[in-house]
Amino acid sequence: MPDFSHLHVHTQFSLLDGAADISKLYKKAAADGMKALAITDHGNMFGAFSFVAEAYKHKNEDGSLKVKPIVGCEFYVVEDRHKKTFTKEQKDERYHQVLLAKNKTGIRT
């Protein structure tokens, strides 16, 4: 099987949508030989610090990380974020957009 890395994973921080425990998720990715893993919780990044900390607990003999942690988020996108009321004709249309941070600058912005 070619290299595979999950780039859209919800953890226990995606309420009603994910139940994966970060440490178990990371251990499974390492056991399966994944080179990278991304967490992309819905509308929050609460698990980012735990996820990266877990990655640094699992290193190869040369000191490199077994699985590269990729921090992301599944954001909600709407036409007008200030609109509060909707009708049958003008529905509350929401879209999801997954964004992955390339580096520390990407996480901060």
N, C-alpha and C. Protein backbone atom coordinates (compact mmCIF):
# COMPACT_ATOMS: atom_id res chain seq x y z
N MET A 1 0.85 -1.18 0.00
CA MET A 1 0.00 0.00 0.00
C MET A 1 0.90 1.25 0.00
N PRO A 2 0.57 2.25 -0.82
CA PRO A 2 1.37 3.47 -0.82
C PRO A 2 1.23 4.22 0.51
N ASP A 3 2.16 5.15 0.72
CA ASP A 3 2.10 5.96 1.94
C ASP A 3 0.74 6.64 2.06
N PHE A 4 0.22 6.65 3.27
CA PHE A 4 -1.08 7.28 3.52
C PHE A 4 -1.02 8.02 4.84
N SER A 5 -1.57 9.21 4.87
CA SER A 5 -1.68 9.99 6.09
C SER A 5 -3.07 10.60 6.15
N HIS A 6 -3.73 10.44 7.29
CA HIS A 6 -5.03 11.08 7.48
C HIS A 6 -4.82 12.58 7.65
N LEU A 7 -5.52 13.37 6.84
CA LEU A 7 -5.40 14.82 6.91
C LEU A 7 -6.70 15.49 7.34
N HIS A 8 -7.68 14.70 7.76
CA HIS A 8 -8.95 15.27 8.20
C HIS A 8 -9.53 14.36 9.29
N VAL A 9 -9.08 14.61 10.52
CA VAL A 9 -9.45 13.76 11.65
C VAL A 9 -10.04 14.62 12.76
N HIS A 10 -11.18 14.19 13.29
CA HIS A 10 -11.80 14.87 14.42
C HIS A 10 -11.45 14.12 15.70
N THR A 11 -11.17 14.86 16.75
CA THR A 11 -10.85 14.27 18.05
C THR A 11 -12.03 14.49 18.99
N GLN A 12 -11.78 14.21 20.26
CA GLN A 12 -12.84 14.41 21.25
C GLN A 12 -13.22 15.88 21.40
N PHE A 13 -12.47 16.77 20.79
CA PHE A 13 -12.78 18.21 20.87
C PHE A 13 -13.79 18.65 19.81
N SER A 14 -14.18 17.76 18.90
CA SER A 14 -15.25 18.05 17.94
C SER A 14 -16.54 17.49 18.53
N LEU A 15 -17.22 18.30 19.30
CA LEU A 15 -18.41 17.85 20.01
C LEU A 15 -19.44 17.28 19.04
N LEU A 16 -19.98 16.15 19.38
CA LEU A 16 -21.00 15.42 18.62
C LEU A 16 -20.51 14.94 17.26
N ASP A 17 -19.22 15.06 16.99
CA ASP A 17 -18.72 14.65 15.68
C ASP A 17 -17.47 13.78 15.76
N GLY A 18 -16.78 13.80 16.87
CA GLY A 18 -15.56 13.02 16.99
C GLY A 18 -15.42 12.46 18.38
N ALA A 19 -14.76 11.32 18.48
CA ALA A 19 -14.58 10.71 19.79
C ALA A 19 -13.16 10.20 19.98
N ALA A 20 -12.29 10.46 19.03
CA ALA A 20 -10.94 9.92 19.09
C ALA A 20 -10.11 10.60 20.18
N ASP A 21 -9.54 9.78 21.03
CA ASP A 21 -8.62 10.26 22.06
C ASP A 21 -7.28 10.54 21.37
N ILE A 22 -6.68 11.69 21.63
CA ILE A 22 -5.47 12.11 20.92
C ILE A 22 -4.33 11.12 21.11
N SER A 23 -4.07 10.66 22.32
CA SER A 23 -2.94 9.74 22.52
C SER A 23 -3.18 8.41 21.81
N LYS A 24 -4.40 7.89 21.85
CA LYS A 24 -4.70 6.64 21.15
C LYS A 24 -4.63 6.82 19.64
N LEU A 25 -5.11 7.95 19.17
CA LEU A 25 -5.07 8.26 17.75
C LEU A 25 -3.63 8.30 17.25
N TYR A 26 -2.78 8.98 17.99
CA TYR A 26 -1.38 9.11 17.60
C TYR A 26 -0.68 7.75 17.64
N LYS A 27 -0.93 6.97 18.67
CA LYS A 27 -0.30 5.65 18.79
C LYS A 27 -0.73 4.74 17.64
N LYS A 28 -1.97 4.81 17.23
CA LYS A 28 -2.46 4.00 16.10
C LYS A 28 -1.79 4.43 14.80
N ALA A 29 -1.65 5.72 14.61
CA ALA A 29 -0.98 6.22 13.39
C ALA A 29 0.47 5.75 13.35
N ALA A 30 1.15 5.79 14.49
CA ALA A 30 2.54 5.32 14.55
C ALA A 30 2.61 3.82 14.30
N ALA A 31 1.70 3.06 14.88
CA ALA A 31 1.69 1.60 14.68
C ALA A 31 1.41 1.23 13.23
N ASP A 32 0.62 2.04 12.53
CA ASP A 32 0.30 1.79 11.13
C ASP A 32 1.36 2.32 10.18
N GLY A 33 2.40 2.96 10.72
CA GLY A 33 3.49 3.46 9.89
C GLY A 33 3.19 4.74 9.13
N MET A 34 2.20 5.49 9.61
CA MET A 34 1.90 6.76 8.94
C MET A 34 3.05 7.73 9.17
N LYS A 35 3.36 8.51 8.16
CA LYS A 35 4.44 9.50 8.28
C LYS A 35 3.93 10.81 8.85
N ALA A 36 2.62 11.06 8.73
CA ALA A 36 2.03 12.30 9.23
C ALA A 36 0.58 12.04 9.62
N LEU A 37 0.04 12.95 10.42
CA LEU A 37 -1.35 12.88 10.84
C LEU A 37 -1.82 14.30 11.15
N ALA A 38 -3.00 14.64 10.65
CA ALA A 38 -3.56 15.97 10.92
C ALA A 38 -4.82 15.84 11.76
N ILE A 39 -4.98 16.74 12.72
CA ILE A 39 -6.26 16.85 13.41
C ILE A 39 -6.94 18.13 12.92
N THR A 40 -8.22 18.01 12.63
CA THR A 40 -8.98 19.13 12.06
C THR A 40 -10.34 19.19 12.75
N ASP A 41 -10.33 19.55 14.00
CA ASP A 41 -11.58 19.61 14.76
C ASP A 41 -12.49 20.72 14.24
N HIS A 42 -13.78 20.55 14.49
CA HIS A 42 -14.79 21.52 14.05
C HIS A 42 -14.70 22.82 14.84
N GLY A 43 -14.34 23.88 14.17
CA GLY A 43 -14.43 25.21 14.74
C GLY A 43 -13.56 25.50 15.95
N ASN A 44 -12.58 24.64 16.25
CA ASN A 44 -11.70 24.92 17.39
C ASN A 44 -10.37 24.22 17.20
N MET A 45 -9.40 24.65 17.97
CA MET A 45 -8.07 24.05 17.95
C MET A 45 -7.64 23.67 19.37
N PHE A 46 -8.60 23.28 20.18
CA PHE A 46 -8.31 22.98 21.58
C PHE A 46 -7.35 21.81 21.75
N GLY A 47 -7.34 20.87 20.83
CA GLY A 47 -6.48 19.70 20.94
C GLY A 47 -5.08 19.88 20.39
N ALA A 48 -4.78 21.03 19.81
CA ALA A 48 -3.49 21.24 19.13
C ALA A 48 -2.29 21.02 20.05
N PHE A 49 -2.31 21.60 21.24
CA PHE A 49 -1.17 21.48 22.14
C PHE A 49 -0.97 20.04 22.61
N SER A 50 -2.06 19.37 22.96
CA SER A 50 -1.97 17.97 23.37
C SER A 50 -1.46 17.10 22.23
N PHE A 51 -1.92 17.38 21.02
CA PHE A 51 -1.54 16.62 19.84
C PHE A 51 -0.04 16.74 19.56
N VAL A 52 0.47 17.95 19.56
CA VAL A 52 1.90 18.15 19.30
C VAL A 52 2.73 17.58 20.45
N ALA A 53 2.28 17.76 21.69
CA ALA A 53 3.00 17.20 22.84
C ALA A 53 3.06 15.67 22.75
N GLU A 54 1.97 15.06 22.31
CA GLU A 54 1.94 13.60 22.14
C GLU A 54 2.95 13.16 21.08
N ALA A 55 3.07 13.92 20.02
CA ALA A 55 4.01 13.59 18.95
C ALA A 55 5.44 13.54 19.47
N TYR A 56 5.78 14.46 20.35
CA TYR A 56 7.15 14.52 20.88
C TYR A 56 7.44 13.42 21.90
N LYS A 57 6.45 12.68 22.30
CA LYS A 57 6.67 11.53 23.19
C LYS A 57 7.10 10.30 22.40
N HIS A 58 6.94 10.33 21.08
CA HIS A 58 7.21 9.16 20.24
C HIS A 58 8.23 9.53 19.17
N LYS A 59 9.48 9.17 19.42
CA LYS A 59 10.55 9.51 18.48
C LYS A 59 11.25 8.26 17.98
N ASN A 60 11.82 8.37 16.80
CA ASN A 60 12.65 7.31 16.24
C ASN A 60 14.00 7.32 16.95
N GLU A 61 14.82 6.32 16.69
CA GLU A 61 16.13 6.23 17.33
C GLU A 61 17.02 7.43 17.02
N ASP A 62 16.85 8.03 15.84
CA ASP A 62 17.66 9.20 15.46
C ASP A 62 17.12 10.51 16.04
N GLY A 63 16.04 10.44 16.81
CA GLY A 63 15.47 11.62 17.45
C GLY A 63 14.36 12.29 16.65
N SER A 64 14.14 11.84 15.42
CA SER A 64 13.06 12.42 14.62
C SER A 64 11.71 11.88 15.10
N LEU A 65 10.67 12.62 14.80
CA LEU A 65 9.32 12.21 15.20
C LEU A 65 8.85 11.04 14.35
N LYS A 66 8.21 10.07 14.98
CA LYS A 66 7.68 8.92 14.24
C LYS A 66 6.57 9.36 13.28
N VAL A 67 5.70 10.22 13.75
CA VAL A 67 4.59 10.72 12.93
C VAL A 67 4.58 12.24 13.04
N LYS A 68 4.65 12.91 11.89
CA LYS A 68 4.64 14.38 11.88
C LYS A 68 3.24 14.87 12.23
N PRO A 69 3.11 15.70 13.26
CA PRO A 69 1.80 16.25 13.60
C PRO A 69 1.48 17.45 12.71
N ILE A 70 0.31 17.44 12.12
CA ILE A 70 -0.15 18.56 11.30
C ILE A 70 -1.38 19.14 11.99
N VAL A 71 -1.30 20.41 12.33
CA VAL A 71 -2.39 21.06 13.05
C VAL A 71 -3.29 21.77 12.04
N GLY A 72 -4.58 21.54 12.17
CA GLY A 72 -5.53 22.17 11.29
C GLY A 72 -6.84 22.42 12.00
N CYS A 73 -7.81 22.85 11.23
CA CYS A 73 -9.14 23.12 11.78
C CYS A 73 -10.15 23.08 10.65
N GLU A 74 -11.34 22.60 10.94
CA GLU A 74 -12.43 22.65 9.97
C GLU A 74 -13.29 23.86 10.33
N PHE A 75 -13.11 24.92 9.56
CA PHE A 75 -13.79 26.17 9.83
C PHE A 75 -15.17 26.20 9.18
N TYR A 76 -16.04 27.01 9.72
CA TYR A 76 -17.34 27.24 9.14
C TYR A 76 -17.27 28.52 8.30
N VAL A 77 -17.77 28.45 7.09
CA VAL A 77 -17.75 29.60 6.19
C VAL A 77 -19.19 29.95 5.84
N VAL A 78 -19.52 31.24 5.97
CA VAL A 78 -20.86 31.72 5.64
C VAL A 78 -20.72 32.98 4.78
N GLU A 79 -21.79 33.31 4.08
CA GLU A 79 -21.75 34.49 3.22
C GLU A 79 -21.64 35.78 4.05
N ASP A 80 -22.41 35.85 5.13
CA ASP A 80 -22.41 37.05 5.97
C ASP A 80 -22.41 36.60 7.43
N ARG A 81 -21.28 36.71 8.08
CA ARG A 81 -21.17 36.21 9.46
C ARG A 81 -21.96 37.05 10.47
N HIS A 82 -22.43 38.21 10.05
CA HIS A 82 -23.20 39.07 10.96
C HIS A 82 -24.70 38.81 10.88
N LYS A 83 -25.12 38.06 9.89
CA LYS A 83 -26.55 37.79 9.72
C LYS A 83 -27.02 36.83 10.82
N LYS A 84 -28.06 37.21 11.52
CA LYS A 84 -28.54 36.43 12.67
C LYS A 84 -29.90 35.78 12.45
N THR A 85 -30.69 36.28 11.50
CA THR A 85 -32.02 35.72 11.28
C THR A 85 -32.13 35.18 9.86
N PHE A 86 -32.93 34.13 9.73
CA PHE A 86 -33.09 33.47 8.45
C PHE A 86 -34.55 33.15 8.21
N THR A 87 -34.90 32.95 6.96
CA THR A 87 -36.27 32.60 6.60
C THR A 87 -36.23 31.33 5.74
N LYS A 88 -37.41 30.87 5.38
CA LYS A 88 -37.49 29.70 4.52
C LYS A 88 -36.82 29.97 3.17
N GLU A 89 -36.96 31.19 2.70
CA GLU A 89 -36.38 31.58 1.41
C GLU A 89 -34.88 31.87 1.53
N GLN A 90 -34.49 32.46 2.65
CA GLN A 90 -33.08 32.78 2.89
C GLN A 90 -32.58 31.92 4.03
N LYS A 91 -32.15 30.71 3.66
CA LYS A 91 -31.73 29.73 4.66
C LYS A 91 -30.35 30.04 5.23
N ASP A 92 -30.09 29.41 6.32
CA ASP A 92 -28.79 29.52 6.99
C ASP A 92 -27.83 28.53 6.30
N GLU A 93 -27.15 28.98 5.28
CA GLU A 93 -26.24 28.12 4.52
C GLU A 93 -24.84 28.23 5.10
N ARG A 94 -24.33 27.10 5.51
CA ARG A 94 -22.99 27.03 6.08
C ARG A 94 -22.16 26.04 5.28
N TYR A 95 -20.90 26.34 5.16
CA TYR A 95 -19.98 25.47 4.43
C TYR A 95 -18.79 25.19 5.32
N HIS A 96 -18.17 24.06 5.10
CA HIS A 96 -16.99 23.69 5.87
C HIS A 96 -15.76 23.86 5.00
N GLN A 97 -14.70 24.37 5.59
CA GLN A 97 -13.42 24.52 4.89
C GLN A 97 -12.32 24.03 5.82
N VAL A 98 -11.58 23.03 5.39
CA VAL A 98 -10.47 22.51 6.18
C VAL A 98 -9.21 23.29 5.83
N LEU A 99 -8.56 23.83 6.85
CA LEU A 99 -7.30 24.54 6.68
C LEU A 99 -6.23 23.84 7.52
N LEU A 100 -5.07 23.62 6.91
CA LEU A 100 -3.94 22.99 7.58
C LEU A 100 -2.81 24.00 7.68
N ALA A 101 -2.17 24.05 8.85
CA ALA A 101 -1.06 24.99 9.05
C ALA A 101 0.23 24.35 8.53
N LYS A 102 0.96 25.11 7.73
CA LYS A 102 2.23 24.64 7.19
C LYS A 102 3.35 24.77 8.21
N ASN A 103 3.28 25.80 9.05
CA ASN A 103 4.33 26.06 10.03
C ASN A 103 3.75 26.91 11.17
N LYS A 104 4.62 27.38 12.05
CA LYS A 104 4.14 28.18 13.20
C LYS A 104 3.42 29.44 12.77
N THR A 105 3.86 30.05 11.70
CA THR A 105 3.19 31.25 11.20
C THR A 105 1.75 30.91 10.81
N GLY A 106 1.56 29.76 10.18
CA GLY A 106 0.21 29.34 9.78
C GLY A 106 -0.70 29.10 10.95
N ILE A 107 -0.16 28.65 12.04
CA ILE A 107 -0.96 28.40 13.24
C ILE A 107 -1.38 29.75 13.86
N ARG A 108 -0.51 30.71 13.82
CA ARG A 108 -0.78 32.01 14.46
C ARG A 108 -1.77 32.86 13.68
N THR A 109 -1.87 32.67 12.37
CA THR A 109 -2.71 33.55 11.57
C THR A 109 -4.11 33.06 11.41
